[in-house]
Amino acid sequence: MNELLQQIRNCTLCQEHLPLGPRPIVAANPKARILIIGHAPGTKVHETGVPWDDPSGKQLRKWMGVTDAEFYDETKIAQMPMGFCYPGKGKSGDLPPRSECAPQWHQKVLVGMPNLKLTLLIGQYAQKHYLGDQMEKNLTETVRNYKAYLPQYFVLPHPSPRNRFWLSKNPWFEDEVLPVLRQMIIDQ
């Protein structure tokens, strides 16, 4: 696994498309039982090199009911985004994750983590990649139907502060979904 992670961290596959240059962000360990697959790192995570080291990560840790120490213990929780590097800025936020990363690296990382019991698919990019035709018509319906993807996958919206409106429109998420997520995290 260490050799694979070094290969990923040295990747320059799409560097000509990355406004801040390559800085692949990944954390994995063969002992990990939980895997988080999100979009791609933002500028703050690009700067620090620490996965989910931003307001979205703080919210995600709150949703999961874990401490920073638990979240960053890669023997328990692994981090593998759809795009390993910051993709750049778009009209309404960051650009989508680069499409090269998942086909190049995901399966290799997954093979190296035989103890995984639960994978959190955060946002539409991860859900489309891993669920494909099993997704509902939109993110809200996919998350509402989260039980259909258990026990392998737990689907979540992105915990970005930009999603406050979605959270306020969907109070069932905090009332019904998050308690199940927290219990599943405890059970791992």
Protein backbone atom coordinates (compact mmCIF):
# COMPACT_ATOMS: atom_id res chain seq x y z
CA MET A 1 0.00 0.00 0.00
CA ASN A 2 2.80 2.46 0.82
CA GLU A 3 4.28 2.02 -2.66
CA LEU A 4 0.87 2.59 -4.28
CA LEU A 5 0.23 5.72 -2.20
CA GLN A 6 3.63 7.07 -3.21
CA GLN A 7 2.81 6.44 -6.89
CA ILE A 8 -0.48 8.32 -6.47
CA ARG A 9 1.20 11.22 -4.67
CA ASN A 10 3.73 11.46 -7.51
CA CYS A 11 1.07 11.35 -10.23
CA THR A 12 1.23 14.04 -12.91
CA LEU A 13 -1.28 12.45 -15.33
CA CYS A 14 -3.37 15.60 -15.81
CA GLN A 15 -1.02 18.32 -14.55
CA GLU A 16 -1.58 20.55 -17.60
CA HIS A 17 -5.23 20.90 -16.52
CA LEU A 18 -4.53 21.79 -12.88
CA PRO A 19 -4.27 25.52 -12.15
CA LEU A 20 -2.38 24.95 -8.89
CA GLY A 21 -0.39 21.98 -10.17
CA PRO A 22 -0.66 18.39 -8.99
CA ARG A 23 -0.92 17.59 -5.30
CA PRO A 24 -2.80 14.30 -5.03
CA ILE A 25 -4.61 13.92 -1.71
CA VAL A 26 -5.25 10.37 -0.47
CA ALA A 27 -5.06 8.47 2.82
CA ALA A 28 -5.41 4.70 2.94
CA ASN A 29 -4.34 1.70 4.99
CA PRO A 30 -5.05 -2.03 4.61
CA LYS A 31 -6.62 -2.03 8.10
CA ALA A 32 -9.20 0.68 7.27
CA ARG A 33 -12.82 -0.39 7.68
CA ILE A 34 -14.43 2.84 6.43
CA LEU A 35 -13.69 4.64 3.15
CA ILE A 36 -14.76 8.17 2.26
CA ILE A 37 -15.10 8.98 -1.43
CA GLY A 38 -15.91 12.62 -2.14
CA HIS A 39 -15.41 15.02 -5.05
CA ALA A 40 -11.94 16.57 -5.11
CA PRO A 41 -9.88 18.69 -2.74
CA GLY A 42 -10.56 22.41 -2.56
CA THR A 43 -7.89 25.11 -2.36
CA LYS A 44 -7.46 24.86 1.42
CA VAL A 45 -6.94 21.09 1.27
CA HIS A 46 -4.56 21.60 -1.65
CA GLU A 47 -2.54 24.00 0.51
CA THR A 48 -2.40 21.79 3.62
CA GLY A 49 -2.32 18.37 1.97
CA VAL A 50 -4.76 17.12 4.63
CA PRO A 51 -8.02 15.51 3.39
CA TRP A 52 -11.21 17.35 4.37
CA ASP A 53 -9.22 20.05 6.21
CA ASP A 54 -11.87 22.69 5.57
CA PRO A 55 -15.41 23.66 6.67
CA SER A 56 -16.86 20.75 4.64
CA GLY A 57 -14.65 18.34 6.55
CA LYS A 58 -15.66 19.82 9.87
CA GLN A 59 -19.32 19.30 8.93
CA LEU A 60 -18.62 15.75 7.71
CA ARG A 61 -16.93 14.83 11.01
CA LYS A 62 -19.97 16.24 12.84
CA TRP A 63 -22.32 14.18 10.65
CA MET A 64 -20.25 11.04 11.30
CA GLY A 65 -19.99 11.72 15.03
CA VAL A 66 -16.20 11.30 15.07
CA THR A 67 -13.36 13.31 16.51
CA ASP A 68 -10.56 14.74 14.39
CA ALA A 69 -8.23 12.04 15.76
CA GLU A 70 -10.65 9.27 14.76
CA PHE A 71 -11.29 10.81 11.34
CA TYR A 72 -7.60 11.10 10.51
CA ASP A 73 -6.62 7.64 11.78
CA GLU A 74 -6.16 6.02 8.38
CA THR A 75 -6.06 2.56 9.98
CA LYS A 76 -9.77 3.17 10.62
CA ILE A 77 -10.96 5.69 7.99
CA ALA A 78 -9.46 5.98 4.51
CA GLN A 79 -9.91 8.98 2.16
CA MET A 80 -10.02 8.60 -1.62
CA PRO A 81 -11.63 11.40 -3.66
CA MET A 82 -12.94 11.02 -7.19
CA GLY A 83 -10.30 13.52 -8.29
CA PHE A 84 -7.13 13.54 -6.20
CA CYS A 85 -6.10 17.12 -7.03
CA TYR A 86 -7.76 20.52 -6.91
CA PRO A 87 -9.45 20.84 -10.34
CA GLY A 88 -9.78 24.63 -10.51
CA LYS A 89 -12.56 27.19 -10.21
CA GLY A 90 -15.74 27.15 -12.29
CA LYS A 91 -18.67 29.57 -12.66
CA SER A 92 -20.48 28.43 -9.53
CA GLY A 93 -17.74 26.82 -7.44
CA ASP A 94 -14.96 24.35 -8.04
CA LEU A 95 -14.81 22.44 -11.31
CA PRO A 96 -15.81 18.76 -11.33
CA PRO A 97 -13.14 16.24 -10.32
CA ARG A 98 -10.75 15.30 -13.11
CA SER A 99 -11.95 12.15 -14.85
CA GLU A 100 -8.51 10.53 -15.04
CA CYS A 101 -8.11 9.68 -11.34
CA ALA A 102 -10.83 7.13 -10.61
CA PRO A 103 -10.06 4.80 -13.56
CA GLN A 104 -6.32 5.08 -12.94
CA TRP A 105 -6.23 4.58 -9.16
CA HIS A 106 -9.47 3.61 -7.42
CA GLN A 107 -9.47 -0.13 -8.08
CA LYS A 108 -5.80 -0.41 -7.06
CA VAL A 109 -6.50 1.33 -3.75
CA LEU A 110 -9.63 -0.74 -3.13
CA VAL A 111 -7.74 -4.00 -3.69
CA GLY A 112 -5.26 -2.87 -1.04
CA MET A 113 -7.97 -2.42 1.59
CA PRO A 114 -9.50 -5.87 2.17
CA ASN A 115 -11.07 -4.93 5.52
CA LEU A 116 -13.46 -2.26 4.22
CA LYS A 117 -16.97 -2.61 5.60
CA LEU A 118 -18.53 0.73 4.68
CA THR A 119 -17.93 3.27 1.91
CA LEU A 120 -19.37 6.78 2.20
CA LEU A 121 -20.25 8.12 -1.26
CA ILE A 122 -20.37 11.87 -0.84
CA GLY A 123 -22.04 13.86 -3.58
CA GLN A 124 -23.19 13.09 -7.09
CA TYR A 125 -19.80 12.40 -8.70
CA ALA A 126 -19.00 9.53 -6.33
CA GLN A 127 -22.56 8.26 -6.44
CA LYS A 128 -22.73 8.27 -10.25
CA HIS A 129 -19.41 6.45 -10.50
CA TYR A 130 -20.17 3.74 -7.95
CA LEU A 131 -23.95 3.37 -8.18
CA GLY A 132 -24.48 4.05 -11.87
CA ASP A 133 -28.03 3.11 -12.90
CA GLN A 134 -28.97 2.31 -9.30
CA MET A 135 -29.07 6.03 -8.47
CA GLU A 136 -32.42 7.68 -8.15
CA LYS A 137 -33.42 10.61 -10.41
CA ASN A 138 -31.48 13.16 -8.32
CA LEU A 139 -29.26 13.49 -5.26
CA THR A 140 -32.15 14.16 -2.88
CA GLU A 141 -33.98 10.98 -3.89
CA THR A 142 -30.76 8.97 -3.83
CA VAL A 143 -30.02 10.12 -0.26
CA ARG A 144 -33.65 9.60 0.78
CA ASN A 145 -33.32 6.02 -0.51
CA TYR A 146 -29.98 5.46 1.29
CA LYS A 147 -31.05 2.08 2.76
CA ALA A 148 -31.13 0.56 -0.73
CA TYR A 149 -27.34 0.90 -0.97
CA LEU A 150 -26.50 -0.54 2.46
CA PRO A 151 -24.49 -2.24 3.81
CA GLN A 152 -21.73 -1.51 1.27
CA TYR A 153 -22.44 2.15 0.50
CA PHE A 154 -23.81 5.03 2.52
CA VAL A 155 -24.85 7.94 0.27
CA LEU A 156 -24.61 11.52 1.50
CA PRO A 157 -24.93 15.01 0.07
CA HIS A 158 -21.76 17.06 0.08
CA PRO A 159 -21.27 18.66 3.52
CA SER A 160 -20.29 22.00 2.00
CA PRO A 161 -21.58 25.18 3.67
CA ARG A 162 -23.06 25.93 0.21
CA ASN A 163 -25.56 23.11 0.87
CA ARG A 164 -27.25 24.87 3.81
CA PHE A 165 -30.32 25.46 1.64
CA TRP A 166 -30.56 21.74 0.78
CA LEU A 167 -30.24 20.82 4.47
CA SER A 168 -32.95 23.31 5.49
CA LYS A 169 -35.29 21.94 2.78
CA ASN A 170 -34.67 18.34 3.83
CA PRO A 171 -34.87 18.12 7.64
CA TRP A 172 -35.46 14.36 7.39
CA PHE A 173 -31.75 14.02 6.55
CA GLU A 174 -30.57 15.09 10.00
CA ASP A 175 -33.49 13.42 11.79
CA GLU A 176 -33.54 10.06 10.00
CA VAL A 177 -30.31 9.51 8.06
CA LEU A 178 -27.55 10.85 10.30
CA PRO A 179 -28.45 8.71 13.35
CA VAL A 180 -28.15 5.60 11.14
CA LEU A 181 -24.81 6.81 9.77
CA ARG A 182 -23.44 7.43 13.27
CA GLN A 183 -24.51 4.00 14.45
CA MET A 184 -22.90 2.36 11.44
CA ILE A 185 -19.67 4.26 12.12
CA ILE A 186 -19.73 3.06 15.75
CA ASP A 187 -20.36 -0.52 14.62
CA GLN A 188 -17.24 -0.54 12.45
